[in-house]
Amino acid sequence: MKRTRAQESRSAIERLYITMRHLFTRGTYKPMGVSGESLVNALRILSPEIYGTINDPEKVELDGLLYVMERLPKGIEECRFIRLISREGYETSHLEAIIPPKRRRNCYRLDEHVMYVEMTRGRSDIYDILTHLTFLYIESNKIYNNSTDPKGHISINWRMLEEIIEKEQAGKSFDKEAASAYLSHLIGRTYEETVRAVEKFEKSSNSNSLYSIVYSLGKLAMEEIREDKDREISFSATLRERIGHHVYGERWAKKIMRRLDELNLLERPIHIISANLHSVLNTIYAPQILDLKTFEDIEKVASSIAMNQKGNPGKKIYDYALKHGFVDIPDDSGTNIGTQIIDTAKLAKDYVIPGVDLPKEGESCPVFLVMDYAFGEQAYECMDELLKPYKKDGKELPLNIVSVSIMGKAGILYGGKGDLMIPDAHVFEGTADNYPFHNELSKSDFEGYGLGVYAGSMVTVLGTSLQNKDILRYFMESSWNAIGLEMEGAHYQKAIQSASKIRKSIRSNVKVLYAYYASDNPLETGSTLASGALGMEGVRPTYLITYKILEKLFS
């Protein structure tokens, strides 16, 4: 019986993860050697949408390359040796931390050959970066092949690129049109495509120029093939020892609980909200200080802050919040998850949002614990630790958790960017695990705001960069009836259910609210994650979900 493309793709994902786990346990491997060959073959079979033309023998995938470079440390393409480490004290060294803005983590360049990358978000983060690196090595070999003729002689295009790089490094000017013409041959793209890509890379704050990246990738591939200078990826012993032990999640949760204890808030009703660190703050405090009356009023203020308009009230709101129950808890645990506490008893006005009043008695006023987005399996680690009782003076003090709300970004399968998804179950990709739940939010809560709204099950995937159209269409068109894909839902729900139903560390009837906004549509060419950020289109869905969460909890 012939297997479908969806089955072949699913098998390829499984092989990728089994191989990655094996190589991680082993401690080191050569990505273009025998050890890495199975990763390369599996990624080629899978051919994820985000990596576009990965299987084209000549065309370098440019949008995917930019997406990856903005999530890896600047200069990683120049390094032959990449070592994934735990938090091991390098933050106290003289080495300057390199922090990619699109995937915040500490990275350290030891010298021209070696890059250390700190991994504190768990296995999902490790799998994610290994997938990105495998893609880079595949593209680097294309560049090498395009720079030589059938007899192995170096082409004039490569020689000219070398001269351009020398001028660029020396700060000298060069003819960009001629440079793009030479570059186009090396990346198998038209001159027009090359010019557009060069401009995109120039606008990126985290990557080197496209000329430099192509040269560095091609140079390392050339040295490996011609001079046996192998590239290598390794994992530190400390990282291998700590993975899966909740080391960073435990530190993170303990700091939050200590702060709640210091503020005498442990016994108050606590509502956990996993979201970004601006929407809850602005939605609650903007009406307090600016006397806003409607959601549309809040949206206008949020848009002015997002666009950084002159005279926007962002700082004014933040400073006001600090005097009225808002506490910022920056992360130093390694999770890269910032946290905020909002004590509504200290609000000047008697409502959470306009039209939704606070409880009359001050002692029963709710406390919001807002946590930034987690990444993949890290969601279970952090939520699991946060829902445990607080240990003080030999006693266990359970937190009074009333609700857990999750606002997330997700890939949508039916609508477009900015539309909303309201799940009633999370299905964990690659397993039979599924987590149905009663969602306090419903599709009807979001209708009438000009956004597409879809309700149904959602797939929690092992990695967004590993999905292709065949797998996604299977989830959408089969009896799973999936409306979207994300990376944290099942992990959050696993922690919530174990705490409320089995461990009994929180109330069994804890309210659960889930809503996602679409950051991309992986089934539409040009609308994948590699097509760029949501931008201002994201303001309305982000703030609408936040507004509806607060409205639903207290109305």
Protein backbone atom coordinates (compact mmCIF):
# COMPACT_ATOMS: atom_id res chain seq x y z
CA MET A 1 0.00 0.00 0.00
CA LYS A 2 1.51 3.31 -1.08
CA ARG A 3 2.02 5.82 1.71
CA THR A 4 0.58 9.32 1.37
CA ARG A 5 2.78 12.42 1.46
CA ALA A 6 1.31 13.23 4.87
CA GLN A 7 2.41 9.80 6.19
CA GLU A 8 5.89 10.19 4.69
CA SER A 9 6.17 13.65 6.23
CA ARG A 10 5.02 12.42 9.62
CA SER A 11 7.62 9.66 9.46
CA ALA A 12 10.29 12.22 8.52
CA ILE A 13 9.44 14.35 11.58
CA GLU A 14 9.66 11.29 13.78
CA ARG A 15 13.09 10.40 12.35
CA LEU A 16 14.27 13.98 12.86
CA TYR A 17 13.37 13.95 16.54
CA ILE A 18 14.71 10.46 17.22
CA THR A 19 17.99 11.38 15.50
CA MET A 20 18.26 14.71 17.32
CA ARG A 21 17.69 13.03 20.68
CA HIS A 22 20.34 10.40 19.86
CA LEU A 23 22.90 13.02 18.78
CA PHE A 24 22.13 15.12 21.86
CA THR A 25 22.75 12.12 24.11
CA ARG A 26 25.97 11.32 22.24
CA GLY A 27 27.25 14.85 22.77
CA THR A 28 28.70 15.83 19.39
CA TYR A 29 28.23 15.29 15.67
CA LYS A 30 29.32 16.54 12.26
CA PRO A 31 26.26 18.03 10.53
CA MET A 32 27.46 17.19 7.00
CA GLY A 33 29.07 13.89 7.95
CA VAL A 34 27.53 10.45 8.39
CA SER A 35 26.00 11.47 11.73
CA GLY A 36 24.18 14.48 10.33
CA GLU A 37 23.18 12.82 7.07
CA SER A 38 19.96 11.38 8.51
CA LEU A 39 18.92 14.87 9.69
CA VAL A 40 19.61 16.32 6.25
CA ASN A 41 17.72 13.52 4.46
CA ALA A 42 14.72 13.75 6.81
CA LEU A 43 14.51 17.53 6.42
CA ARG A 44 14.68 17.20 2.65
CA ILE A 45 11.88 14.60 2.63
CA LEU A 46 9.78 16.80 4.92
CA SER A 47 10.50 19.98 2.94
CA PRO A 48 8.83 22.36 5.44
CA GLU A 49 6.98 25.37 4.03
CA ILE A 50 9.12 27.80 6.01
CA TYR A 51 12.27 26.57 4.21
CA GLY A 52 10.77 27.09 0.76
CA THR A 53 13.17 25.90 -1.96
CA ILE A 54 15.26 23.67 0.32
CA ASN A 55 15.06 20.81 -2.19
CA ASP A 56 16.01 22.86 -5.23
CA PRO A 57 19.61 21.86 -6.10
CA GLU A 58 20.62 25.42 -7.06
CA LYS A 59 18.23 28.01 -5.59
CA VAL A 60 19.10 29.24 -2.10
CA GLU A 61 15.96 29.88 -0.01
CA LEU A 62 16.17 33.60 0.81
CA ASP A 63 13.07 34.29 2.96
CA GLY A 64 13.76 31.18 5.03
CA LEU A 65 17.41 32.24 5.37
CA LEU A 66 16.42 35.66 6.75
CA TYR A 67 13.91 34.06 9.14
CA VAL A 68 16.62 31.75 10.49
CA MET A 69 19.34 34.42 10.74
CA GLU A 70 17.06 36.67 12.83
CA ARG A 71 16.68 33.83 15.35
CA LEU A 72 20.32 32.79 15.54
CA PRO A 73 23.23 34.82 16.96
CA LYS A 74 24.75 37.31 14.55
CA GLY A 75 27.86 35.84 12.96
CA ILE A 76 26.99 32.18 13.55
CA GLU A 77 27.39 31.52 9.81
CA GLU A 78 31.12 32.31 10.20
CA CYS A 79 31.72 29.68 12.91
CA ARG A 80 32.89 26.17 12.21
CA PHE A 81 32.18 24.95 15.75
CA ILE A 82 28.81 25.53 17.45
CA ARG A 83 28.35 24.43 21.04
CA LEU A 84 24.97 24.38 22.74
CA ILE A 85 25.33 25.03 26.46
CA SER A 86 23.28 25.50 29.59
CA ARG A 87 23.63 28.65 31.74
CA GLU A 88 27.17 27.94 32.91
CA GLY A 89 28.58 31.26 34.15
CA TYR A 90 29.58 32.92 30.88
CA GLU A 91 27.32 35.85 31.77
CA THR A 92 29.94 36.79 34.41
CA SER A 93 32.85 36.56 31.95
CA HIS A 94 34.34 39.32 29.80
CA LEU A 95 32.59 37.83 26.77
CA GLU A 96 29.88 40.06 25.36
CA ALA A 97 26.49 38.38 25.09
CA ILE A 98 24.96 38.29 21.61
CA ILE A 99 21.15 38.23 21.93
CA PRO A 100 19.01 37.57 18.81
CA PRO A 101 15.94 39.84 19.08
CA LYS A 102 13.51 37.32 17.58
CA ARG A 103 14.54 34.46 19.90
CA ARG A 104 16.11 35.94 23.01
CA ARG A 105 18.96 33.85 24.36
CA ASN A 106 22.53 34.57 25.44
CA CYS A 107 25.17 33.59 22.88
CA TYR A 108 28.93 34.02 23.11
CA ARG A 109 31.50 34.25 20.32
CA LEU A 110 34.73 32.79 21.71
CA ASP A 111 36.82 33.47 18.62
CA GLU A 112 36.51 33.42 14.84
CA HIS A 113 35.73 29.68 14.86
CA VAL A 114 33.56 29.01 17.93
CA MET A 115 30.05 30.12 18.95
CA TYR A 116 28.40 29.12 22.24
CA VAL A 117 24.58 29.24 22.30
CA GLU A 118 22.75 29.12 25.63
CA MET A 119 19.77 26.72 25.74
CA THR A 120 17.49 27.30 28.74
CA ARG A 121 14.02 26.75 27.23
CA GLY A 122 14.12 22.97 27.09
CA ARG A 123 14.04 20.39 24.34
CA SER A 124 11.78 22.33 21.97
CA ASP A 125 14.39 25.08 21.78
CA ILE A 126 17.18 22.59 21.08
CA TYR A 127 15.20 20.85 18.33
CA ASP A 128 14.31 24.23 16.85
CA ILE A 129 17.90 25.45 16.60
CA LEU A 130 19.19 22.11 15.25
CA THR A 131 16.56 22.26 12.50
CA HIS A 132 17.62 25.81 11.60
CA LEU A 133 21.30 24.82 11.55
CA THR A 134 20.60 21.79 9.35
CA PHE A 135 18.83 24.10 6.89
CA LEU A 136 21.85 26.44 6.89
CA TYR A 137 24.25 23.60 6.10
CA ILE A 138 22.08 22.37 3.23
CA GLU A 139 22.03 25.88 1.75
CA SER A 140 25.78 26.28 2.28
CA ASN A 141 26.49 23.26 0.11
CA LYS A 142 24.30 24.73 -2.65
CA ILE A 143 26.43 27.88 -2.52
CA TYR A 144 29.60 25.81 -2.82
CA ASN A 145 28.21 23.86 -5.78
CA ASN A 146 27.19 27.12 -7.49
CA SER A 147 30.68 28.53 -6.97
CA THR A 148 32.49 25.74 -8.82
CA ASP A 149 32.31 24.29 -12.31
CA PRO A 150 31.88 20.55 -13.07
CA LYS A 151 35.66 20.08 -12.84
CA GLY A 152 35.78 21.67 -9.38
CA HIS A 153 37.37 24.95 -10.48
CA ILE A 154 36.40 28.08 -8.53
CA SER A 155 34.19 30.40 -10.59
CA ILE A 156 34.81 34.06 -11.33
CA ASN A 157 31.62 34.89 -9.38
CA TRP A 158 33.16 33.51 -6.20
CA ARG A 159 36.45 35.34 -6.79
CA MET A 160 34.57 38.61 -7.25
CA LEU A 161 32.52 38.00 -4.10
CA GLU A 162 35.78 37.54 -2.18
CA GLU A 163 36.92 40.98 -3.37
CA ILE A 164 33.57 42.51 -2.39
CA ILE A 165 33.80 41.03 1.12
CA GLU A 166 37.34 42.41 1.53
CA LYS A 167 36.04 45.89 0.64
CA GLU A 168 33.00 45.53 2.90
CA GLN A 169 35.13 44.46 5.87
CA ALA A 170 37.55 47.33 5.27
CA GLY A 171 34.64 49.81 5.16
CA LYS A 172 35.30 50.67 1.51
CA SER A 173 32.51 51.36 -0.98
CA PHE A 174 31.73 48.92 -3.79
CA ASP A 175 29.33 48.70 -6.70
CA LYS A 176 26.24 47.07 -5.20
CA GLU A 177 24.64 46.38 -8.57
CA ALA A 178 27.69 44.49 -9.79
CA ALA A 179 27.95 42.73 -6.42
CA SER A 180 24.31 41.62 -6.66
CA ALA A 181 24.93 40.33 -10.18
CA TYR A 182 27.83 38.13 -8.99
CA LEU A 183 25.83 37.07 -5.94
CA SER A 184 22.78 36.06 -8.00
CA HIS A 185 24.80 33.31 -9.73
CA LEU A 186 26.05 31.94 -6.41
CA ILE A 187 22.56 31.70 -4.90
CA GLY A 188 20.82 30.53 -8.08
CA ARG A 189 18.44 33.49 -8.12
CA THR A 190 17.55 36.19 -10.61
CA TYR A 191 19.20 39.59 -10.32
CA GLU A 192 15.84 41.11 -9.30
CA GLU A 193 15.29 38.53 -6.53
CA THR A 194 18.83 39.07 -5.30
CA VAL A 195 18.50 42.87 -5.06
CA ARG A 196 15.26 42.53 -3.08
CA ALA A 197 16.87 40.04 -0.71
CA VAL A 198 19.96 42.23 -0.20
CA GLU A 199 17.66 45.09 0.83
CA LYS A 200 15.74 42.87 3.27
CA PHE A 201 18.95 41.73 4.95
CA GLU A 202 20.16 45.34 5.18
CA LYS A 203 17.01 46.22 7.14
CA SER A 204 17.52 43.38 9.61
CA SER A 205 19.08 44.49 12.88
CA ASN A 206 20.45 41.04 13.68
CA SER A 207 22.08 39.68 10.54
CA ASN A 208 25.19 40.50 8.55
CA SER A 209 24.78 41.51 4.90
CA LEU A 210 23.59 38.87 2.46
CA TYR A 211 26.96 39.13 0.70
CA SER A 212 28.75 38.27 3.95
CA ILE A 213 26.37 35.45 4.93
CA VAL A 214 26.60 33.76 1.51
CA TYR A 215 30.39 34.10 1.51
CA SER A 216 30.77 32.68 5.03
CA LEU A 217 28.44 29.75 4.42
CA GLY A 218 30.10 28.93 1.11
CA LYS A 219 33.61 29.32 2.56
CA LEU A 220 32.98 26.82 5.39
CA ALA A 221 31.42 24.33 2.97
CA MET A 222 34.39 24.77 0.64
CA GLU A 223 36.92 24.23 3.43
CA GLU A 224 35.09 21.14 4.64
CA ILE A 225 34.90 19.56 1.19
CA ARG A 226 38.35 20.59 -0.09
CA GLU A 227 40.46 20.73 3.09
CA ASP A 228 38.67 18.29 5.44
CA LYS A 229 37.97 21.06 7.94
CA ASP A 230 34.80 19.56 9.35
CA ARG A 231 32.03 21.62 10.87
CA GLU A 232 30.82 20.39 14.25
CA ILE A 233 27.89 20.80 16.64
CA SER A 234 28.29 19.75 20.26
CA PHE A 235 26.33 19.82 23.52
CA SER A 236 27.87 20.58 26.90
CA ALA A 237 27.74 17.97 29.67
CA THR A 238 25.84 20.41 31.90
CA LEU A 239 23.17 20.94 29.26
CA ARG A 240 22.71 17.20 28.80
CA GLU A 241 22.51 16.74 32.57
CA ARG A 242 19.96 19.52 33.20
CA ILE A 243 17.57 19.00 30.32
CA GLY A 244 14.11 17.88 31.44
CA HIS A 245 14.74 18.58 35.14
CA HIS A 246 12.86 21.91 35.36
CA VAL A 247 15.98 23.68 36.60
CA TYR A 248 15.07 27.05 35.09
CA GLY A 249 11.30 26.73 35.49
CA GLU A 250 11.73 26.05 39.21
CA ARG A 251 13.96 29.12 39.68
CA TRP A 252 11.48 31.22 37.74
CA ALA A 253 8.42 30.07 39.71
CA LYS A 254 10.13 30.41 43.11
CA LYS A 255 11.05 34.04 42.40
CA ILE A 256 7.44 34.83 41.49
CA MET A 257 6.08 33.12 44.60
CA ARG A 258 8.56 34.92 46.85
CA ARG A 259 7.44 38.24 45.38
CA LEU A 260 3.77 37.37 45.91
CA ASP A 261 4.60 36.46 49.51
CA GLU A 262 6.48 39.75 50.07
CA LEU A 263 3.44 41.64 48.78
CA ASN A 264 1.05 39.57 50.98
CA LEU A 265 -0.83 38.35 47.92
CA LEU A 266 -0.56 34.57 48.27
CA GLU A 267 -4.08 34.17 49.67
CA ARG A 268 -5.78 36.54 47.26
CA PRO A 269 -7.62 35.22 44.14
CA ILE A 270 -4.92 34.88 41.45
CA HIS A 271 -5.60 34.89 37.71
CA ILE A 272 -2.67 33.69 35.57
CA ILE A 273 -2.50 35.12 32.06
CA SER A 274 0.09 33.93 29.55
CA ALA A 275 0.36 36.76 27.04
CA ASN A 276 2.74 39.47 25.92
CA LEU A 277 3.90 42.02 28.50
CA HIS A 278 2.08 45.07 27.17
CA SER A 279 -1.54 44.21 26.38
CA VAL A 280 -2.79 43.45 29.93
CA LEU A 281 -0.87 46.42 31.34
CA ASN A 282 -2.30 48.87 28.78
CA THR A 283 -5.81 47.39 28.76
CA ILE A 284 -6.18 47.76 32.54
CA TYR A 285 -4.29 51.00 33.18
CA ALA A 286 -5.03 53.10 30.07
CA PRO A 287 -8.74 53.49 31.06
CA GLN A 288 -7.67 54.30 34.63
CA ILE A 289 -5.57 57.27 33.59
CA LEU A 290 -7.17 58.36 30.27
CA ASP A 291 -10.83 57.77 31.14
CA LEU A 292 -11.43 55.49 28.13
CA LYS A 293 -14.91 54.02 27.73
CA THR A 294 -14.79 51.36 25.01
CA PHE A 295 -12.57 48.69 23.50
CA GLU A 296 -12.10 50.90 20.44
CA ASP A 297 -10.72 53.67 22.68
CA ILE A 298 -8.18 51.23 24.17
CA GLU A 299 -7.25 49.98 20.67
CA LYS A 300 -6.49 53.55 19.49
CA VAL A 301 -4.18 54.13 22.45
CA ALA A 302 -2.48 50.73 21.91
CA SER A 303 -1.94 51.55 18.22
CA SER A 304 -0.33 54.89 19.04
CA ILE A 305 2.04 53.15 21.47
CA ALA A 306 2.82 50.33 18.98
CA MET A 307 3.60 52.88 16.25
CA ASN A 308 5.69 54.89 18.73
CA GLN A 309 3.82 58.03 17.75
CA LYS A 310 5.11 61.29 19.16
CA GLY A 311 3.43 62.06 22.47
CA ASN A 312 1.99 58.54 22.87
CA PRO A 313 1.02 57.74 26.49
CA GLY A 314 3.06 54.52 26.83
CA LYS A 315 5.53 55.81 29.44
CA LYS A 316 2.82 57.77 31.24
CA ILE A 317 0.71 54.60 31.59
CA TYR A 318 3.70 52.56 32.80
CA ASP A 319 4.75 55.15 35.39
CA TYR A 320 1.17 55.47 36.62
CA ALA A 321 0.84 51.67 36.86
CA LEU A 322 3.94 51.41 39.06
CA LYS A 323 2.16 53.60 41.65
CA HIS A 324 -1.11 51.68 41.46
CA GLY A 325 -0.45 47.99 42.03
CA PHE A 326 1.78 47.09 39.09
CA VAL A 327 5.00 45.17 39.80
CA ASP A 328 7.46 44.25 37.04
CA ILE A 329 9.51 41.08 37.61
CA PRO A 330 12.28 40.87 34.99
CA ASP A 331 13.61 37.39 34.37
CA ASP A 332 17.04 36.36 35.63
CA SER A 333 16.33 32.63 35.85
CA GLY A 334 17.26 31.81 32.25
CA THR A 335 13.71 31.10 31.05
CA ASN A 336 13.53 34.44 29.20
CA ILE A 337 9.95 34.75 30.49
CA GLY A 338 9.32 38.13 32.07
CA THR A 339 6.47 38.41 34.58
CA GLN A 340 4.16 41.10 35.94
CA ILE A 341 1.91 41.32 39.00
CA ILE A 342 -1.15 43.57 39.01
CA ASP A 343 -2.87 44.09 42.39
CA THR A 344 -6.33 45.42 41.49
CA ALA A 345 -6.98 46.49 45.09
CA LYS A 346 -4.65 49.43 44.39
CA LEU A 347 -6.46 50.63 41.28
CA ALA A 348 -7.78 54.19 41.64
CA LYS A 349 -11.08 53.39 39.91
CA ASP A 350 -13.45 50.59 40.85
CA TYR A 351 -13.36 48.64 37.59
CA VAL A 352 -10.99 46.23 35.83
CA ILE A 353 -12.03 47.55 32.42
CA PRO A 354 -14.87 49.97 31.63
CA GLY A 355 -18.18 48.28 32.46
CA VAL A 356 -16.60 45.44 34.44
CA ASP A 357 -16.52 46.32 38.15
CA LEU A 358 -14.12 45.04 40.79
CA PRO A 359 -15.39 43.11 43.82
CA LYS A 360 -16.49 45.51 46.57
CA GLU A 361 -14.29 44.10 49.34
CA GLY A 362 -10.62 45.03 48.95
CA GLU A 363 -9.30 41.76 50.35
CA SER A 364 -11.06 39.75 47.63
CA CYS A 365 -9.84 41.97 44.78
CA PRO A 366 -8.14 39.79 42.17
CA VAL A 367 -4.43 39.65 41.45
CA PHE A 368 -3.22 39.19 37.88
CA LEU A 369 -0.03 37.27 37.26
CA VAL A 370 0.98 37.98 33.66
CA MET A 371 3.72 35.83 32.12
CA ASP A 372 5.33 36.33 28.73
CA TYR A 373 5.07 33.68 26.01
CA ALA A 374 6.76 30.34 26.70
CA PHE A 375 8.35 28.20 23.98
CA GLY A 376 7.16 24.65 23.30
CA GLU A 377 7.81 22.16 26.10
CA GLN A 378 8.96 25.06 28.28
CA ALA A 379 5.26 25.87 28.79
CA TYR A 380 4.79 22.65 30.78
CA GLU A 381 7.96 23.16 32.80
CA CYS A 382 7.04 26.70 33.89
CA MET A 383 3.29 26.20 34.42
CA ASP A 384 3.87 22.95 36.29
CA GLU A 385 6.23 24.70 38.72
CA LEU A 386 4.01 27.77 39.06
CA LEU A 387 0.96 25.70 40.06
CA LYS A 388 2.81 23.90 42.87
CA PRO A 389 2.34 25.08 46.49
CA TYR A 390 4.78 27.68 47.82
CA LYS A 391 7.13 26.21 50.42
CA LYS A 392 7.82 28.49 53.40
CA ASP A 393 9.15 27.63 56.87
CA GLY A 394 8.58 23.93 56.26
CA LYS A 395 4.95 24.46 55.23
CA GLU A 396 3.27 24.14 51.84
CA LEU A 397 1.04 27.11 50.98
CA PRO A 398 -1.19 26.47 47.92
CA LEU A 399 -1.81 29.46 45.68
CA ASN A 400 -5.43 30.54 45.25
CA ILE A 401 -5.46 30.10 41.47
CA VAL A 402 -8.91 30.97 40.11
CA SER A 403 -8.18 30.92 36.37
CA VAL A 404 -5.50 30.33 33.77
CA SER A 405 -5.78 32.26 30.50
CA ILE A 406 -3.61 31.61 27.46
CA MET A 407 -3.35 34.14 24.65
CA GLY A 408 -1.05 32.86 21.95
CA LYS A 409 0.19 33.27 18.40
CA ALA A 410 -0.63 30.41 16.06
CA GLY A 411 -0.67 29.33 12.46
CA ILE A 412 -4.21 29.31 11.09
CA LEU A 413 -5.52 26.78 8.57
CA TYR A 414 -8.72 28.46 7.36
CA GLY A 415 -8.40 32.25 7.57
CA GLY A 416 -5.60 34.76 7.29
CA LYS A 417 -3.17 36.74 9.41
CA GLY A 418 -4.85 38.49 12.34
CA ASP A 419 -7.87 36.15 12.50
CA LEU A 420 -8.77 34.39 15.75
CA MET A 421 -8.90 30.76 16.87
CA ILE A 422 -10.88 29.56 19.90
CA PRO A 423 -9.90 25.97 20.73
CA ASP A 424 -11.91 23.32 22.56
CA ALA A 425 -9.13 20.72 22.53
CA HIS A 426 -5.39 20.41 21.98
CA VAL A 427 -4.08 17.46 19.98
CA PHE A 428 -0.39 16.69 20.44
CA GLU A 429 1.29 16.00 17.11
CA GLY A 430 2.87 12.58 16.66
CA THR A 431 1.07 10.99 19.61
CA ALA A 432 -2.44 9.92 20.56
CA ASP A 433 -2.38 12.50 23.38
CA ASN A 434 -5.32 14.87 23.32
CA TYR A 435 -6.59 17.41 25.84
CA PRO A 436 -10.26 18.39 25.49
CA PHE A 437 -11.38 21.11 27.91
CA HIS A 438 -14.17 23.57 28.59
CA ASN A 439 -13.07 26.93 27.25
CA GLU A 440 -14.71 29.85 29.04
CA LEU A 441 -14.25 31.84 25.84
CA SER A 442 -16.45 31.11 22.83
CA LYS A 443 -16.58 32.07 19.18
CA SER A 444 -19.55 34.40 19.79
CA ASP A 445 -17.48 36.53 22.21
CA PHE A 446 -15.36 37.78 19.30
CA GLU A 447 -17.91 38.24 16.52
CA GLY A 448 -18.71 41.70 15.21
CA TYR A 449 -15.15 43.08 15.39
CA GLY A 450 -14.22 42.60 11.74
CA LEU A 451 -11.98 39.58 12.33
CA GLY A 452 -12.44 36.00 11.17
CA VAL A 453 -13.17 33.71 14.14
CA TYR A 454 -12.81 29.91 14.06
CA ALA A 455 -13.58 27.33 16.74
CA GLY A 456 -12.38 23.73 16.96
CA SER A 457 -9.39 21.62 17.93
CA MET A 458 -5.82 22.86 17.59
CA VAL A 459 -2.65 20.88 16.98
CA THR A 460 0.28 21.38 19.33
CA VAL A 461 3.20 20.71 17.01
CA LEU A 462 6.74 19.60 17.84
CA GLY A 463 8.10 22.57 15.89
CA THR A 464 6.48 25.18 13.64
CA SER A 465 9.49 25.06 11.31
CA LEU A 466 8.79 21.36 10.58
CA GLN A 467 5.30 21.65 9.12
CA ASN A 468 4.43 21.21 5.46
CA LYS A 469 1.16 21.49 3.55
CA ASP A 470 0.58 17.74 3.42
CA ILE A 471 0.60 17.33 7.20
CA LEU A 472 -1.46 20.46 7.77
CA ARG A 473 -4.10 19.50 5.21
CA TYR A 474 -4.40 16.11 6.90
CA PHE A 475 -5.10 17.74 10.27
CA MET A 476 -7.57 20.16 8.67
CA GLU A 477 -9.47 17.77 6.40
CA SER A 478 -9.49 14.61 8.54
CA SER A 479 -11.79 13.98 11.49
CA TRP A 480 -9.40 15.95 13.73
CA ASN A 481 -10.99 19.10 12.21
CA ALA A 482 -8.05 21.24 13.29
CA ILE A 483 -8.30 25.00 12.87
CA GLY A 484 -4.68 25.88 13.60
CA LEU A 485 -1.30 24.88 14.96
CA GLU A 486 0.82 26.17 17.82
CA MET A 487 3.53 24.87 20.15
CA GLU A 488 2.41 25.34 23.77
CA GLY A 489 -1.30 24.51 24.23
CA ALA A 490 -1.05 20.80 25.08
CA HIS A 491 1.91 21.48 27.37
CA TYR A 492 0.00 24.15 29.30
CA GLN A 493 -3.09 21.96 29.53
CA LYS A 494 -1.07 18.96 30.72
CA ALA A 495 0.24 21.06 33.63
CA ILE A 496 -3.19 22.54 34.43
CA GLN A 497 -4.94 19.17 34.41
CA SER A 498 -2.31 17.43 36.52
CA ALA A 499 -2.39 20.25 39.12
CA SER A 500 -6.19 20.50 39.27
CA LYS A 501 -7.28 16.87 38.76
CA ILE A 502 -4.46 14.73 40.18
CA ARG A 503 -2.11 16.65 42.47
CA LYS A 504 -4.95 18.83 43.80
CA SER A 505 -2.53 21.74 44.29
CA ILE A 506 -5.11 24.11 42.78
CA ARG A 507 -8.92 24.04 42.75
CA SER A 508 -10.47 21.35 40.54
CA ASN A 509 -12.84 23.85 38.91
CA VAL A 510 -10.14 26.27 37.80
CA LYS A 511 -11.36 28.33 34.85
CA VAL A 512 -9.46 27.92 31.58
CA LEU A 513 -9.52 30.51 28.79
CA TYR A 514 -7.68 29.97 25.49
CA ALA A 515 -7.62 32.22 22.42
CA TYR A 516 -5.06 32.57 19.63
CA TYR A 517 -4.47 35.11 16.90
CA ALA A 518 -3.04 34.08 13.55
CA SER A 519 0.56 35.14 12.99
CA ASP A 520 0.67 33.23 9.70
CA ASN A 521 -1.15 30.86 7.39
CA PRO A 522 1.30 28.06 6.52
CA LEU A 523 -1.02 26.78 3.77
CA GLU A 524 -0.72 30.02 1.81
CA THR A 525 2.47 30.70 -0.12
CA GLY A 526 3.74 34.10 0.97
CA SER A 527 1.91 33.95 4.33
CA THR A 528 4.22 31.62 6.27
CA LEU A 529 6.25 32.76 9.26
CA ALA A 530 9.11 33.53 6.90
CA SER A 531 7.00 36.25 5.24
CA GLY A 532 7.55 38.55 8.20
CA ALA A 533 5.93 39.77 11.39
CA LEU A 534 2.25 40.63 11.76
CA GLY A 535 3.03 44.29 12.47
CA MET A 536 0.17 46.71 13.15
CA GLU A 537 -2.33 44.08 12.00
CA GLY A 538 -1.66 42.36 15.31
CA VAL A 539 -2.87 45.21 17.54
CA ARG A 540 -6.61 44.56 17.23
CA PRO A 541 -6.53 40.76 17.76
CA THR A 542 -4.02 41.04 20.62
CA TYR A 543 -5.97 43.66 22.52
CA LEU A 544 -9.37 42.17 21.68
CA ILE A 545 -8.36 38.82 23.20
CA THR A 546 -6.96 40.58 26.27
CA TYR A 547 -10.13 42.68 26.65
CA LYS A 548 -12.40 39.63 26.31
CA ILE A 549 -10.38 37.60 28.82
CA LEU A 550 -10.80 40.36 31.43
CA GLU A 551 -14.45 40.82 30.53
CA LYS A 552 -15.22 37.10 30.76
CA LEU A 553 -13.47 36.65 34.11
CA PHE A 554 -15.45 39.34 35.93
CA SER A 555 -18.68 40.09 34.08
